[in-house]
């Protein structure tokens, strides 16, 4: 095999060899591993899980803290292949990991506890544009500046948790958002839509399954000129009205 490769290389012109060299150089240098700061941020999230769940060692088995573990290859993490920056994090439904299901069975989840998520962990991820935190039994955030500092975040899914309406104002500070999924976070009553008036890039807002009873479209929300989809399905809306801005 080596002999055949040697012969084929002899048939290549100097120009062809130059192109082969350039392609190899791009392959070697053009694809980077994950950034050390972001690797530490991911491990900080895993440590946070350990503080809240004694079985956390089962949750993210590929997230290993050593010199050879490449975090862009870790489960639930997608990096840019050129820059090595984390672009997508799928941290949804952590506690339903197949390893825990196999080990403890479905009865383990009957007494799931609620917990606060320290979102300052995400300060490390400068290029993150897709973050899925759905279905994790979070009942609030602390360190909310961690989300508002994500200047490139376009997709945020926090559905299936148990937040109160005080969270909405902090979400209004993430002005880069295009898709915001707040499905089934047990809001109830009326929704403070005016808190999201600054989200001028927003294209889709999902408020389904929230037991909402009233929804007011405040006139000042004309600033949401890019909004194409507003999902209010499976609520208990008794009134839906336009309120004139004062």
C-alpha atoms as a PDB file:
ATOM      1  CA  UNK A   1       0.000   0.000   0.000  1.00  0.00           C
ATOM      2  CA  UNK A   2       2.867   2.333   0.859  1.00  0.00           C
ATOM      3  CA  UNK A   3       4.514   1.547  -2.500  1.00  0.00           C
ATOM      4  CA  UNK A   4       1.328   2.401  -4.430  1.00  0.00           C
ATOM      5  CA  UNK A   5       0.976   5.680  -2.503  1.00  0.00           C
ATOM      6  CA  UNK A   6       4.580   6.540  -3.304  1.00  0.00           C
ATOM      7  CA  UNK A   7       4.037   5.964  -7.016  1.00  0.00           C
ATOM      8  CA  UNK A   8       0.876   8.067  -7.078  1.00  0.00           C
ATOM      9  CA  UNK A   9       2.705  10.930  -5.370  1.00  0.00           C
ATOM     10  CA  UNK A  10       5.354  10.803  -8.103  1.00  0.00           C
ATOM     11  CA  UNK A  11       2.662  11.368 -10.726  1.00  0.00           C
ATOM     12  CA  UNK A  12       1.488  14.570  -8.989  1.00  0.00           C
ATOM     13  CA  UNK A  13       2.814  17.850 -10.322  1.00  0.00           C
ATOM     14  CA  UNK A  14       4.363  20.414  -7.994  1.00  0.00           C
ATOM     15  CA  UNK A  15       1.158  22.460  -8.285  1.00  0.00           C
ATOM     16  CA  UNK A  16      -0.946  19.459  -7.232  1.00  0.00           C
ATOM     17  CA  UNK A  17       1.352  18.803  -4.290  1.00  0.00           C
ATOM     18  CA  UNK A  18       0.976  22.409  -3.182  1.00  0.00           C
ATOM     19  CA  UNK A  19      -2.829  22.049  -3.149  1.00  0.00           C
ATOM     20  CA  UNK A  20      -2.577  18.804  -1.158  1.00  0.00           C
ATOM     21  CA  UNK A  21      -0.354  20.557   1.370  1.00  0.00           C
ATOM     22  CA  UNK A  22      -2.763  23.491   1.658  1.00  0.00           C
ATOM     23  CA  UNK A  23      -5.745  21.189   2.240  1.00  0.00           C
ATOM     24  CA  UNK A  24      -3.869  19.294   4.950  1.00  0.00           C
ATOM     25  CA  UNK A  25      -2.912  22.596   6.585  1.00  0.00           C
ATOM     26  CA  UNK A  26      -6.549  23.717   6.651  1.00  0.00           C
ATOM     27  CA  UNK A  27      -7.595  20.402   8.185  1.00  0.00           C
ATOM     28  CA  UNK A  28      -4.939  20.632  10.875  1.00  0.00           C
ATOM     29  CA  UNK A  29      -5.182  24.331  11.737  1.00  0.00           C
ATOM     30  CA  UNK A  30      -8.716  25.244  10.739  1.00  0.00           C
ATOM     31  CA  UNK A  31     -10.493  23.096  13.308  1.00  0.00           C
ATOM     32  CA  UNK A  32      -9.921  24.008  16.947  1.00  0.00           C
ATOM     33  CA  UNK A  33     -10.745  22.302  20.196  1.00  0.00           C
ATOM     34  CA  UNK A  34     -12.939  23.853  22.820  1.00  0.00           C
ATOM     35  CA  UNK A  35     -11.897  26.978  24.679  1.00  0.00           C
ATOM     36  CA  UNK A  36     -10.494  26.299  28.156  1.00  0.00           C
ATOM     37  CA  UNK A  37     -12.684  28.975  29.764  1.00  0.00           C
ATOM     38  CA  UNK A  38     -15.785  27.365  28.279  1.00  0.00           C
ATOM     39  CA  UNK A  39     -14.673  23.897  29.331  1.00  0.00           C
ATOM     40  CA  UNK A  40     -14.406  25.184  32.905  1.00  0.00           C
ATOM     41  CA  UNK A  41     -17.876  26.722  32.548  1.00  0.00           C
ATOM     42  CA  UNK A  42     -19.345  23.379  31.523  1.00  0.00           C
ATOM     43  CA  UNK A  43     -17.648  21.653  34.428  1.00  0.00           C
ATOM     44  CA  UNK A  44     -19.041  24.363  36.702  1.00  0.00           C
ATOM     45  CA  UNK A  45     -22.523  23.429  35.500  1.00  0.00           C
ATOM     46  CA  UNK A  46     -21.828  19.772  36.272  1.00  0.00           C
ATOM     47  CA  UNK A  47     -20.573  20.739  39.734  1.00  0.00           C
ATOM     48  CA  UNK A  48     -23.790  22.710  40.209  1.00  0.00           C
ATOM     49  CA  UNK A  49     -25.753  19.554  39.427  1.00  0.00           C
ATOM     50  CA  UNK A  50     -23.737  17.626  41.995  1.00  0.00           C
ATOM     51  CA  UNK A  51     -24.695  20.161  44.649  1.00  0.00           C
ATOM     52  CA  UNK A  52     -28.347  19.589  43.882  1.00  0.00           C
ATOM     53  CA  UNK A  53     -28.492  15.886  43.088  1.00  0.00           C
ATOM     54  CA  UNK A  54     -26.434  13.181  44.746  1.00  0.00           C
ATOM     55  CA  UNK A  55     -26.643  11.098  41.562  1.00  0.00           C
ATOM     56  CA  UNK A  56     -25.080  13.752  39.346  1.00  0.00           C
ATOM     57  CA  UNK A  57     -22.164  11.507  38.360  1.00  0.00           C
ATOM     58  CA  UNK A  58     -24.623   9.608  36.157  1.00  0.00           C
ATOM     59  CA  UNK A  59     -25.964  12.700  34.428  1.00  0.00           C
ATOM     60  CA  UNK A  60     -23.138  13.835  32.171  1.00  0.00           C
ATOM     61  CA  UNK A  61     -20.679  10.929  31.941  1.00  0.00           C
ATOM     62  CA  UNK A  62     -18.684  12.331  29.030  1.00  0.00           C
ATOM     63  CA  UNK A  63     -17.978  15.609  30.856  1.00  0.00           C
ATOM     64  CA  UNK A  64     -14.603  14.668  32.329  1.00  0.00           C
ATOM     65  CA  UNK A  65     -12.080  17.064  33.835  1.00  0.00           C
ATOM     66  CA  UNK A  66      -8.719  16.036  32.434  1.00  0.00           C
ATOM     67  CA  UNK A  67      -6.189  17.307  29.906  1.00  0.00           C
ATOM     68  CA  UNK A  68      -7.246  15.025  27.059  1.00  0.00           C
ATOM     69  CA  UNK A  69     -11.040  15.320  27.292  1.00  0.00           C
ATOM     70  CA  UNK A  70     -12.287  17.474  24.409  1.00  0.00           C
ATOM     71  CA  UNK A  71     -15.429  19.320  25.514  1.00  0.00           C
ATOM     72  CA  UNK A  72     -16.644  19.904  21.949  1.00  0.00           C
ATOM     73  CA  UNK A  73     -17.157  16.134  21.823  1.00  0.00           C
ATOM     74  CA  UNK A  74     -19.176  16.045  25.036  1.00  0.00           C
ATOM     75  CA  UNK A  75     -22.851  15.127  24.945  1.00  0.00           C
ATOM     76  CA  UNK A  76     -25.317  18.046  24.781  1.00  0.00           C
ATOM     77  CA  UNK A  77     -22.599  20.429  23.528  1.00  0.00           C
ATOM     78  CA  UNK A  78     -22.145  21.711  19.978  1.00  0.00           C
ATOM     79  CA  UNK A  79     -19.160  23.902  19.075  1.00  0.00           C
ATOM     80  CA  UNK A  80     -18.216  25.912  16.041  1.00  0.00           C
ATOM     81  CA  UNK A  81     -15.736  23.624  14.221  1.00  0.00           C
ATOM     82  CA  UNK A  82     -13.503  26.552  13.235  1.00  0.00           C
ATOM     83  CA  UNK A  83     -13.383  28.685  16.376  1.00  0.00           C
ATOM     84  CA  UNK A  84     -13.978  25.947  18.962  1.00  0.00           C
ATOM     85  CA  UNK A  85     -16.523  28.186  20.697  1.00  0.00           C
ATOM     86  CA  UNK A  86     -19.635  26.611  22.200  1.00  0.00           C
ATOM     87  CA  UNK A  87     -22.667  27.618  20.112  1.00  0.00           C
ATOM     88  CA  UNK A  88     -25.423  25.295  21.345  1.00  0.00           C
ATOM     89  CA  UNK A  89     -26.177  23.755  24.732  1.00  0.00           C
ATOM     90  CA  UNK A  90     -28.948  21.183  25.092  1.00  0.00           C
ATOM     91  CA  UNK A  91     -29.241  20.969  28.879  1.00  0.00           C
ATOM     92  CA  UNK A  92     -32.898  20.009  28.778  1.00  0.00           C
ATOM     93  CA  UNK A  93     -34.429  17.144  30.724  1.00  0.00           C
ATOM     94  CA  UNK A  94     -31.192  16.426  32.579  1.00  0.00           C
ATOM     95  CA  UNK A  95     -32.766  14.275  35.284  1.00  0.00           C
ATOM     96  CA  UNK A  96     -34.403  11.954  32.733  1.00  0.00           C
ATOM     97  CA  UNK A  97     -31.050  10.704  31.474  1.00  0.00           C
ATOM     98  CA  UNK A  98     -31.266   7.078  30.265  1.00  0.00           C
ATOM     99  CA  UNK A  99     -28.563   6.001  32.719  1.00  0.00           C
ATOM    100  CA  UNK A 100     -30.687   7.112  35.682  1.00  0.00           C
ATOM    101  CA  UNK A 101     -33.799   5.546  34.217  1.00  0.00           C
ATOM    102  CA  UNK A 102     -32.014   2.235  33.792  1.00  0.00           C
ATOM    103  CA  UNK A 103     -30.514   2.365  37.266  1.00  0.00           C
ATOM    104  CA  UNK A 104     -33.463   3.585  39.351  1.00  0.00           C
ATOM    105  CA  UNK A 105     -36.517   3.172  37.148  1.00  0.00           C
ATOM    106  CA  UNK A 106     -39.438   5.545  36.704  1.00  0.00           C
ATOM    107  CA  UNK A 107     -40.331   5.608  40.421  1.00  0.00           C
ATOM    108  CA  UNK A 108     -37.212   7.667  41.087  1.00  0.00           C
ATOM    109  CA  UNK A 109     -38.863  10.751  39.537  1.00  0.00           C
ATOM    110  CA  UNK A 110     -42.004  10.786  41.629  1.00  0.00           C
ATOM    111  CA  UNK A 111     -40.441  13.121  44.217  1.00  0.00           C
ATOM    112  CA  UNK A 112     -38.480  15.473  41.987  1.00  0.00           C
ATOM    113  CA  UNK A 113     -37.408  18.580  43.887  1.00  0.00           C
ATOM    114  CA  UNK A 114     -37.437  22.151  42.642  1.00  0.00           C
ATOM    115  CA  UNK A 115     -34.163  24.068  42.515  1.00  0.00           C
ATOM    116  CA  UNK A 116     -32.674  27.435  41.551  1.00  0.00           C
ATOM    117  CA  UNK A 117     -30.319  27.668  38.589  1.00  0.00           C
ATOM    118  CA  UNK A 118     -27.310  29.972  38.880  1.00  0.00           C
ATOM    119  CA  UNK A 119     -27.253  31.319  35.318  1.00  0.00           C
ATOM    120  CA  UNK A 120     -24.050  33.299  35.910  1.00  0.00           C
ATOM    121  CA  UNK A 121     -22.457  30.001  34.844  1.00  0.00           C
ATOM    122  CA  UNK A 122     -23.259  30.967  31.251  1.00  0.00           C
ATOM    123  CA  UNK A 123     -21.096  34.117  31.385  1.00  0.00           C
ATOM    124  CA  UNK A 124     -18.295  31.989  29.903  1.00  0.00           C
ATOM    125  CA  UNK A 125     -20.062  31.351  26.580  1.00  0.00           C
ATOM    126  CA  UNK A 126     -19.550  34.414  24.370  1.00  0.00           C
ATOM    127  CA  UNK A 127     -20.796  32.799  21.123  1.00  0.00           C
ATOM    128  CA  UNK A 128     -23.738  30.819  22.514  1.00  0.00           C
ATOM    129  CA  UNK A 129     -26.857  31.300  20.391  1.00  0.00           C
ATOM    130  CA  UNK A 130     -29.036  28.283  21.320  1.00  0.00           C
ATOM    131  CA  UNK A 131     -29.726  27.340  24.947  1.00  0.00           C
ATOM    132  CA  UNK A 132     -32.247  24.694  25.972  1.00  0.00           C
ATOM    133  CA  UNK A 133     -32.958  24.446  29.713  1.00  0.00           C
ATOM    134  CA  UNK A 134     -36.421  22.924  29.462  1.00  0.00           C
ATOM    135  CA  UNK A 135     -37.953  20.253  31.733  1.00  0.00           C
ATOM    136  CA  UNK A 136     -35.521  20.492  34.649  1.00  0.00           C
ATOM    137  CA  UNK A 137     -37.747  21.404  37.635  1.00  0.00           C
ATOM    138  CA  UNK A 138     -36.076  24.818  37.963  1.00  0.00           C
ATOM    139  CA  UNK A 139     -38.240  27.244  39.920  1.00  0.00           C
ATOM    140  CA  UNK A 140     -36.083  30.333  39.454  1.00  0.00           C
ATOM    141  CA  UNK A 141     -32.827  31.853  38.319  1.00  0.00           C
ATOM    142  CA  UNK A 142     -30.117  33.572  40.329  1.00  0.00           C
ATOM    143  CA  UNK A 143     -27.379  35.650  38.758  1.00  0.00           C
ATOM    144  CA  UNK A 144     -29.681  36.786  35.923  1.00  0.00           C
ATOM    145  CA  UNK A 145     -26.937  38.942  34.427  1.00  0.00           C
ATOM    146  CA  UNK A 146     -25.497  35.680  33.141  1.00  0.00           C
ATOM    147  CA  UNK A 147     -28.254  35.487  30.540  1.00  0.00           C
ATOM    148  CA  UNK A 148     -28.457  39.177  29.634  1.00  0.00           C
ATOM    149  CA  UNK A 149     -24.714  39.139  28.902  1.00  0.00           C
ATOM    150  CA  UNK A 150     -25.217  36.551  26.149  1.00  0.00           C
ATOM    151  CA  UNK A 151     -25.225  39.042  23.300  1.00  0.00           C
ATOM    152  CA  UNK A 152     -25.602  36.392  20.585  1.00  0.00           C
ATOM    153  CA  UNK A 153     -28.295  34.248  22.203  1.00  0.00           C
ATOM    154  CA  UNK A 154     -31.110  33.787  19.655  1.00  0.00           C
ATOM    155  CA  UNK A 155     -32.976  30.707  20.903  1.00  0.00           C
ATOM    156  CA  UNK A 156     -33.938  30.164  24.542  1.00  0.00           C
ATOM    157  CA  UNK A 157     -36.196  27.349  25.746  1.00  0.00           C
ATOM    158  CA  UNK A 158     -37.063  27.248  29.453  1.00  0.00           C
ATOM    159  CA  UNK A 159     -40.376  25.418  29.091  1.00  0.00           C
ATOM    160  CA  UNK A 160     -41.493  22.767  31.539  1.00  0.00           C
ATOM    161  CA  UNK A 161     -40.029  24.484  34.614  1.00  0.00           C
ATOM    162  CA  UNK A 162     -41.862  26.375  37.380  1.00  0.00           C
ATOM    163  CA  UNK A 163     -40.944  30.047  37.130  1.00  0.00           C
ATOM    164  CA  UNK A 164     -42.958  32.992  38.398  1.00  0.00           C
ATOM    165  CA  UNK A 165     -43.580  36.215  36.494  1.00  0.00           C
ATOM    166  CA  UNK A 166     -40.638  38.033  38.068  1.00  0.00           C
ATOM    167  CA  UNK A 167     -38.455  36.152  35.590  1.00  0.00           C
ATOM    168  CA  UNK A 168     -40.042  37.826  32.564  1.00  0.00           C
ATOM    169  CA  UNK A 169     -38.373  41.211  33.126  1.00  0.00           C
ATOM    170  CA  UNK A 170     -34.900  39.655  33.074  1.00  0.00           C
ATOM    171  CA  UNK A 171     -35.737  37.866  29.817  1.00  0.00           C
ATOM    172  CA  UNK A 172     -36.590  41.235  28.294  1.00  0.00           C
ATOM    173  CA  UNK A 173     -32.922  42.201  28.637  1.00  0.00           C
ATOM    174  CA  UNK A 174     -31.783  39.489  26.177  1.00  0.00           C
ATOM    175  CA  UNK A 175     -32.346  41.715  23.146  1.00  0.00           C
ATOM    176  CA  UNK A 176     -30.748  39.290  20.655  1.00  0.00           C
ATOM    177  CA  UNK A 177     -33.529  36.696  21.152  1.00  0.00           C
ATOM    178  CA  UNK A 178     -35.448  35.487  18.104  1.00  0.00           C
ATOM    179  CA  UNK A 179     -37.192  32.453  19.608  1.00  0.00           C
ATOM    180  CA  UNK A 180     -38.409  32.359  23.216  1.00  0.00           C
ATOM    181  CA  UNK A 181     -40.179  29.231  24.464  1.00  0.00           C
ATOM    182  CA  UNK A 182     -42.044  29.673  27.787  1.00  0.00           C
ATOM    183  CA  UNK A 183     -44.419  26.745  27.364  1.00  0.00           C
ATOM    184  CA  UNK A 184     -45.832  25.219  30.551  1.00  0.00           C
ATOM    185  CA  UNK A 185     -43.983  27.261  33.187  1.00  0.00           C
ATOM    186  CA  UNK A 186     -47.155  27.639  35.275  1.00  0.00           C
ATOM    187  CA  UNK A 187     -47.581  31.399  34.954  1.00  0.00           C
ATOM    188  CA  UNK A 188     -51.368  31.647  35.409  1.00  0.00           C
ATOM    189  CA  UNK A 189     -53.458  34.844  35.462  1.00  0.00           C
ATOM    190  CA  UNK A 190     -52.335  37.513  33.007  1.00  0.00           C
ATOM    191  CA  UNK A 191     -49.034  37.718  31.161  1.00  0.00           C
ATOM    192  CA  UNK A 192     -46.882  40.895  31.517  1.00  0.00           C
ATOM    193  CA  UNK A 193     -46.159  41.172  27.808  1.00  0.00           C
ATOM    194  CA  UNK A 194     -44.900  44.749  28.214  1.00  0.00           C
ATOM    195  CA  UNK A 195     -41.812  43.331  29.947  1.00  0.00           C
ATOM    196  CA  UNK A 196     -40.697  41.928  26.581  1.00  0.00           C
ATOM    197  CA  UNK A 197     -41.141  45.174  24.628  1.00  0.00           C
ATOM    198  CA  UNK A 198     -37.387  45.537  24.085  1.00  0.00           C
ATOM    199  CA  UNK A 199     -37.104  42.240  22.178  1.00  0.00           C
ATOM    200  CA  UNK A 200     -37.196  43.823  18.739  1.00  0.00           C
ATOM    201  CA  UNK A 201     -35.638  40.773  17.066  1.00  0.00           C
ATOM    202  CA  UNK A 202     -38.181  38.334  18.487  1.00  0.00           C
ATOM    203  CA  UNK A 203     -39.861  36.192  15.818  1.00  0.00           C
ATOM    204  CA  UNK A 204     -41.580  33.500  17.888  1.00  0.00           C
ATOM    205  CA  UNK A 205     -43.021  33.526  21.416  1.00  0.00           C
ATOM    206  CA  UNK A 206     -44.529  30.339  22.835  1.00  0.00           C
ATOM    207  CA  UNK A 207     -46.797  30.861  25.879  1.00  0.00           C
ATOM    208  CA  UNK A 208     -48.857  27.710  25.488  1.00  0.00           C
ATOM    209  CA  UNK A 209     -49.989  25.526  28.433  1.00  0.00           C
ATOM    210  CA  UNK A 210     -49.637  28.260  31.067  1.00  0.00           C
ATOM    211  CA  UNK A 211     -53.172  28.530  32.492  1.00  0.00           C
ATOM    212  CA  UNK A 212     -53.300  32.158  31.346  1.00  0.00           C
ATOM    213  CA  UNK A 213     -56.687  33.810  31.837  1.00  0.00           C
ATOM    214  CA  UNK A 214     -56.118  37.233  30.253  1.00  0.00           C
ATOM    215  CA  UNK A 215     -53.747  38.567  27.638  1.00  0.00           C
ATOM    216  CA  UNK A 216     -53.361  42.250  26.827  1.00  0.00           C
ATOM    217  CA  UNK A 217     -51.699  43.531  23.687  1.00  0.00           C
ATOM    218  CA  UNK A 218     -50.232  46.876  24.723  1.00  0.00           C
ATOM    219  CA  UNK A 219     -49.968  49.277  21.811  1.00  0.00           C
ATOM    220  CA  UNK A 220     -46.352  50.090  22.559  1.00  0.00           C
ATOM    221  CA  UNK A 221     -45.486  46.527  21.534  1.00  0.00           C
ATOM    222  CA  UNK A 222     -45.505  47.680  17.946  1.00  0.00           C
ATOM    223  CA  UNK A 223     -41.736  47.584  18.532  1.00  0.00           C
ATOM    224  CA  UNK A 224     -42.005  43.791  18.171  1.00  0.00           C
ATOM    225  CA  UNK A 225     -42.207  44.264  14.433  1.00  0.00           C
ATOM    226  CA  UNK A 226     -40.508  40.935  13.670  1.00  0.00           C
ATOM    227  CA  UNK A 227     -42.905  38.802  15.730  1.00  0.00           C
ATOM    228  CA  UNK A 228     -44.441  36.207  13.409  1.00  0.00           C
ATOM    229  CA  UNK A 229     -45.693  33.523  15.802  1.00  0.00           C
ATOM    230  CA  UNK A 230     -47.458  34.020  19.143  1.00  0.00           C
ATOM    231  CA  UNK A 231     -48.621  30.686  20.559  1.00  0.00           C
ATOM    232  CA  UNK A 232     -51.337  31.055  23.220  1.00  0.00           C
ATOM    233  CA  UNK A 233     -52.844  27.622  22.752  1.00  0.00           C
ATOM    234  CA  UNK A 234     -54.058  25.470  25.631  1.00  0.00           C
ATOM    235  CA  UNK A 235     -54.620  28.330  28.075  1.00  0.00           C
ATOM    236  CA  UNK A 236     -57.861  29.456  29.756  1.00  0.00           C
ATOM    237  CA  UNK A 237     -58.157  32.868  28.140  1.00  0.00           C
ATOM    238  CA  UNK A 238     -61.274  34.765  29.168  1.00  0.00           C
ATOM    239  CA  UNK A 239     -60.224  38.077  27.649  1.00  0.00           C
ATOM    240  CA  UNK A 240     -57.913  39.177  24.891  1.00  0.00           C
ATOM    241  CA  UNK A 241     -57.724  42.900  24.307  1.00  0.00           C
ATOM    242  CA  UNK A 242     -55.701  45.786  22.942  1.00  0.00           C
ATOM    243  CA  UNK A 243     -54.770  48.362  25.547  1.00  0.00           C
ATOM    244  CA  UNK A 244     -53.930  51.885  24.433  1.00  0.00           C
ATOM    245  CA  UNK A 245     -50.553  53.103  25.644  1.00  0.00           C
ATOM    246  CA  UNK A 246     -50.711  56.157  27.886  1.00  0.00           C
END
